Amino acid sequence: MELAKRYGSPTLELACGTGRISLMLAQAEYEITGIELSPEMLVIARERQ
């Protein structure tokens, strides 16, 4: 979160996993894009939306 505050939007999160950090940033109104290769992790991330 500190780096997002420092550098602002847009933000790219590589290997975003379950989307925990991406969701937190999105809720704080940052423009965020997460990239994840694991289909299992993407399922969980999509459920968190």
PDB file of N, CA and C in Angstrom:
ATOM      1  N   MET A   1       0.829  -1.179   0.000  1.00  0.00           N
ATOM      2  CA  MET A   1       0.000   0.000   0.000  1.00  0.00           C
ATOM      3  C   MET A   1       0.878   1.250   0.000  1.00  0.00           C
ATOM      4  N   GLU A   2       1.981   1.190   0.696  1.00  0.00           N
ATOM      5  CA  GLU A   2       2.870   2.352   0.746  1.00  0.00           C
ATOM      6  C   GLU A   2       3.431   2.690  -0.632  1.00  0.00           C
ATOM      7  N   LEU A   3       3.792   1.666  -1.406  1.00  0.00           N
ATOM      8  CA  LEU A   3       4.298   1.924  -2.758  1.00  0.00           C
ATOM      9  C   LEU A   3       3.206   2.501  -3.645  1.00  0.00           C
ATOM     10  N   ALA A   4       1.987   2.035  -3.485  1.00  0.00           N
ATOM     11  CA  ALA A   4       0.878   2.581  -4.267  1.00  0.00           C
ATOM     12  C   ALA A   4       0.662   4.047  -3.920  1.00  0.00           C
ATOM     13  N   LYS A   5       0.760   4.381  -2.647  1.00  0.00           N
ATOM     14  CA  LYS A   5       0.628   5.782  -2.240  1.00  0.00           C
ATOM     15  C   LYS A   5       1.742   6.628  -2.840  1.00  0.00           C
ATOM     16  N   ARG A   6       2.931   6.084  -2.879  1.00  0.00           N
ATOM     17  CA  ARG A   6       4.085   6.822  -3.387  1.00  0.00           C
ATOM     18  C   ARG A   6       4.013   7.046  -4.892  1.00  0.00           C
ATOM     19  N   TYR A   7       3.648   5.976  -5.640  1.00  0.00           N
ATOM     20  CA  TYR A   7       3.700   6.046  -7.100  1.00  0.00           C
ATOM     21  C   TYR A   7       2.347   6.221  -7.771  1.00  0.00           C
ATOM     22  N   GLY A   8       1.265   5.974  -7.056  1.00  0.00           N
ATOM     23  CA  GLY A   8      -0.070   6.198  -7.610  1.00  0.00           C
ATOM     24  C   GLY A   8      -0.511   5.155  -8.620  1.00  0.00           C
ATOM     25  N   SER A   9      -1.510   5.534  -9.390  1.00  0.00           N
ATOM     26  CA  SER A   9      -2.115   4.640 -10.385  1.00  0.00           C
ATOM     27  C   SER A   9      -1.588   4.975 -11.763  1.00  0.00           C
ATOM     28  N   PRO A  10      -1.687   4.072 -12.693  1.00  0.00           N
ATOM     29  CA  PRO A  10      -2.134   2.691 -12.568  1.00  0.00           C
ATOM     30  C   PRO A  10      -1.068   1.824 -11.911  1.00  0.00           C
ATOM     31  N   THR A  11      -1.505   0.716 -11.352  1.00  0.00           N
ATOM     32  CA  THR A  11      -0.615  -0.211 -10.658  1.00  0.00           C
ATOM     33  C   THR A  11      -0.747  -1.599 -11.276  1.00  0.00           C
ATOM     34  N   LEU A  12       0.383  -2.275 -11.439  1.00  0.00           N
ATOM     35  CA  LEU A  12       0.403  -3.636 -11.966  1.00  0.00           C
ATOM     36  C   LEU A  12       0.934  -4.553 -10.877  1.00  0.00           C
ATOM     37  N   GLU A  13       0.157  -5.582 -10.537  1.00  0.00           N
ATOM     38  CA  GLU A  13       0.610  -6.569  -9.560  1.00  0.00           C
ATOM     39  C   GLU A  13       0.874  -7.887 -10.278  1.00  0.00           C
ATOM     40  N   LEU A  14       2.136  -8.271 -10.341  1.00  0.00           N
ATOM     41  CA  LEU A  14       2.522  -9.540 -10.959  1.00  0.00           C
ATOM     42  C   LEU A  14       2.401 -10.647  -9.925  1.00  0.00           C
ATOM     43  N   ALA A  15       1.951 -11.816 -10.356  1.00  0.00           N
ATOM     44  CA  ALA A  15       1.744 -12.955  -9.453  1.00  0.00           C
ATOM     45  C   ALA A  15       0.806 -12.547  -8.318  1.00  0.00           C
ATOM     46  N   CYS A  16      -0.376 -12.071  -8.685  1.00  0.00           N
ATOM     47  CA  CYS A  16      -1.320 -11.520  -7.708  1.00  0.00           C
ATOM     48  C   CYS A  16      -1.999 -12.577  -6.844  1.00  0.00           C
ATOM     49  N   GLY A  17      -1.794 -13.848  -7.155  1.00  0.00           N
ATOM     50  CA  GLY A  17      -2.339 -14.908  -6.307  1.00  0.00           C
ATOM     51  C   GLY A  17      -3.842 -14.843  -6.193  1.00  0.00           C
ATOM     52  N   THR A  18      -4.343 -14.803  -4.971  1.00  0.00           N
ATOM     53  CA  THR A  18      -5.788 -14.793  -4.739  1.00  0.00           C
ATOM     54  C   THR A  18      -6.397 -13.396  -4.837  1.00  0.00           C
ATOM     55  N   GLY A  19      -5.584 -12.402  -5.108  1.00  0.00           N
ATOM     56  CA  GLY A  19      -6.091 -11.051  -5.297  1.00  0.00           C
ATOM     57  C   GLY A  19      -6.263 -10.238  -4.032  1.00  0.00           C
ATOM     58  N   ARG A  20      -5.739 -10.712  -2.930  1.00  0.00           N
ATOM     59  CA  ARG A  20      -5.906 -10.014  -1.646  1.00  0.00           C
ATOM     60  C   ARG A  20      -5.409  -8.573  -1.719  1.00  0.00           C
ATOM     61  N   ILE A  21      -4.203  -8.372  -2.222  1.00  0.00           N
ATOM     62  CA  ILE A  21      -3.631  -7.024  -2.304  1.00  0.00           C
ATOM     63  C   ILE A  21      -4.328  -6.216  -3.393  1.00  0.00           C
ATOM     64  N   SER A  22      -4.590  -6.847  -4.530  1.00  0.00           N
ATOM     65  CA  SER A  22      -5.274  -6.154  -5.631  1.00  0.00           C
ATOM     66  C   SER A  22      -6.635  -5.630  -5.180  1.00  0.00           C
ATOM     67  N   LEU A  23      -7.378  -6.439  -4.448  1.00  0.00           N
ATOM     68  CA  LEU A  23      -8.690  -6.026  -3.964  1.00  0.00           C
ATOM     69  C   LEU A  23      -8.570  -4.857  -2.995  1.00  0.00           C
ATOM     70  N   MET A  24      -7.599  -4.918  -2.112  1.00  0.00           N
ATOM     71  CA  MET A  24      -7.386  -3.831  -1.161  1.00  0.00           C
ATOM     72  C   MET A  24      -7.095  -2.519  -1.902  1.00  0.00           C
ATOM     73  N   LEU A  25      -6.249  -2.586  -2.928  1.00  0.00           N
ATOM     74  CA  LEU A  25      -5.926  -1.389  -3.706  1.00  0.00           C
ATOM     75  C   LEU A  25      -7.141  -0.890  -4.480  1.00  0.00           C
ATOM     76  N   ALA A  26      -7.903  -1.800  -5.065  1.00  0.00           N
ATOM     77  CA  ALA A  26      -9.100  -1.408  -5.807  1.00  0.00           C
ATOM     78  C   ALA A  26     -10.115  -0.733  -4.883  1.00  0.00           C
ATOM     79  N   GLN A  27     -10.265  -1.245  -3.669  1.00  0.00           N
ATOM     80  CA  GLN A  27     -11.190  -0.640  -2.711  1.00  0.00           C
ATOM     81  C   GLN A  27     -10.726   0.744  -2.279  1.00  0.00           C
ATOM     82  N   ALA A  28      -9.410   0.987  -2.368  1.00  0.00           N
ATOM     83  CA  ALA A  28      -8.860   2.306  -2.054  1.00  0.00           C
ATOM     84  C   ALA A  28      -8.862   3.203  -3.296  1.00  0.00           C
ATOM     85  N   GLU A  29      -9.543   2.752  -4.353  1.00  0.00           N
ATOM     86  CA  GLU A  29      -9.747   3.493  -5.595  1.00  0.00           C
ATOM     87  C   GLU A  29      -8.491   3.672  -6.438  1.00  0.00           C
ATOM     88  N   TYR A  30      -7.571   2.702  -6.336  1.00  0.00           N
ATOM     89  CA  TYR A  30      -6.431   2.672  -7.245  1.00  0.00           C
ATOM     90  C   TYR A  30      -6.840   1.892  -8.484  1.00  0.00           C
ATOM     91  N   GLU A  31      -6.297   2.294  -9.634  1.00  0.00           N
ATOM     92  CA  GLU A  31      -6.486   1.516 -10.856  1.00  0.00           C
ATOM     93  C   GLU A  31      -5.464   0.393 -10.806  1.00  0.00           C
ATOM     94  N   ILE A  32      -5.922  -0.839 -10.719  1.00  0.00           N
ATOM     95  CA  ILE A  32      -5.033  -1.982 -10.500  1.00  0.00           C
ATOM     96  C   ILE A  32      -5.291  -3.074 -11.534  1.00  0.00           C
ATOM     97  N   THR A  33      -4.213  -3.642 -12.034  1.00  0.00           N
ATOM     98  CA  THR A  33      -4.280  -4.808 -12.913  1.00  0.00           C
ATOM     99  C   THR A  33      -3.435  -5.895 -12.278  1.00  0.00           C
ATOM    100  N   GLY A  34      -4.023  -7.065 -12.091  1.00  0.00           N
ATOM    101  CA  GLY A  34      -3.294  -8.193 -11.524  1.00  0.00           C
ATOM    102  C   GLY A  34      -3.068  -9.262 -12.577  1.00  0.00           C
ATOM    103  N   ILE A  35      -1.897  -9.863 -12.560  1.00  0.00           N
ATOM    104  CA  ILE A  35      -1.560 -10.949 -13.480  1.00  0.00           C
ATOM    105  C   ILE A  35      -1.210 -12.179 -12.660  1.00  0.00           C
ATOM    106  N   GLU A  36      -1.856 -13.292 -12.997  1.00  0.00           N
ATOM    107  CA  GLU A  36      -1.620 -14.557 -12.297  1.00  0.00           C
ATOM    108  C   GLU A  36      -1.704 -15.697 -13.305  1.00  0.00           C
ATOM    109  N   LEU A  37      -0.751 -16.615 -13.256  1.00  0.00           N
ATOM    110  CA  LEU A  37      -0.724 -17.750 -14.177  1.00  0.00           C
ATOM    111  C   LEU A  37      -1.482 -18.967 -13.664  1.00  0.00           C
ATOM    112  N   SER A  38      -1.658 -19.081 -12.367  1.00  0.00           N
ATOM    113  CA  SER A  38      -2.305 -20.254 -11.786  1.00  0.00           C
ATOM    114  C   SER A  38      -3.828 -20.165 -11.922  1.00  0.00           C
ATOM    115  N   PRO A  39      -4.438 -21.078 -12.666  1.00  0.00           N
ATOM    116  CA  PRO A  39      -5.898 -21.063 -12.800  1.00  0.00           C
ATOM    117  C   PRO A  39      -6.618 -21.194 -11.454  1.00  0.00           C
ATOM    118  N   GLU A  40      -6.051 -21.977 -10.544  1.00  0.00           N
ATOM    119  CA  GLU A  40      -6.672 -22.157  -9.227  1.00  0.00           C
ATOM    120  C   GLU A  40      -6.701 -20.844  -8.442  1.00  0.00           C
ATOM    121  N   MET A  41      -5.622 -20.103  -8.502  1.00  0.00           N
ATOM    122  CA  MET A  41      -5.564 -18.809  -7.808  1.00  0.00           C
ATOM    123  C   MET A  41      -6.532 -17.816  -8.443  1.00  0.00           C
ATOM    124  N   LEU A  42      -6.646 -17.850  -9.766  1.00  0.00           N
ATOM    125  CA  LEU A  42      -7.567 -16.944 -10.455  1.00  0.00           C
ATOM    126  C   LEU A  42      -9.016 -17.208 -10.069  1.00  0.00           C
ATOM    127  N   VAL A  43      -9.371 -18.464  -9.862  1.00  0.00           N
ATOM    128  CA  VAL A  43     -10.733 -18.797  -9.430  1.00  0.00           C
ATOM    129  C   VAL A  43     -11.021 -18.121  -8.093  1.00  0.00           C
ATOM    130  N   ILE A  44     -10.095 -18.222  -7.165  1.00  0.00           N
ATOM    131  CA  ILE A  44     -10.273 -17.604  -5.843  1.00  0.00           C
ATOM    132  C   ILE A  44     -10.334 -16.088  -5.971  1.00  0.00           C
ATOM    133  N   ALA A  45      -9.450 -15.510  -6.780  1.00  0.00           N
ATOM    134  CA  ALA A  45      -9.432 -14.055  -6.963  1.00  0.00           C
ATOM    135  C   ALA A  45     -10.761 -13.566  -7.534  1.00  0.00           C
ATOM    136  N   ARG A  46     -11.286 -14.271  -8.494  1.00  0.00           N
ATOM    137  CA  ARG A  46     -12.566 -13.866  -9.102  1.00  0.00           C
ATOM    138  C   ARG A  46     -13.710 -13.970  -8.094  1.00  0.00           C
ATOM    139  N   GLU A  47     -13.660 -14.942  -7.208  1.00  0.00           N
ATOM    140  CA  GLU A  47     -14.701 -15.093  -6.187  1.00  0.00           C
ATOM    141  C   GLU A  47     -14.670 -13.945  -5.186  1.00  0.00           C
ATOM    142  N   ARG A  48     -13.517 -13.330  -4.992  1.00  0.00           N
ATOM    143  CA  ARG A  48     -13.374 -12.227  -4.028  1.00  0.00           C
ATOM    144  C   ARG A  48     -13.971 -10.921  -4.534  1.00  0.00           C
ATOM    145  N   GLN A  49     -14.176 -10.805  -5.834  1.00  0.00           N
ATOM    146  CA  GLN A  49     -14.638  -9.532  -6.398  1.00  0.00           C
ATOM    147  C   GLN A  49     -15.925  -9.111  -5.794  1.00  0.00           C
TER     148      GLN A  49
END
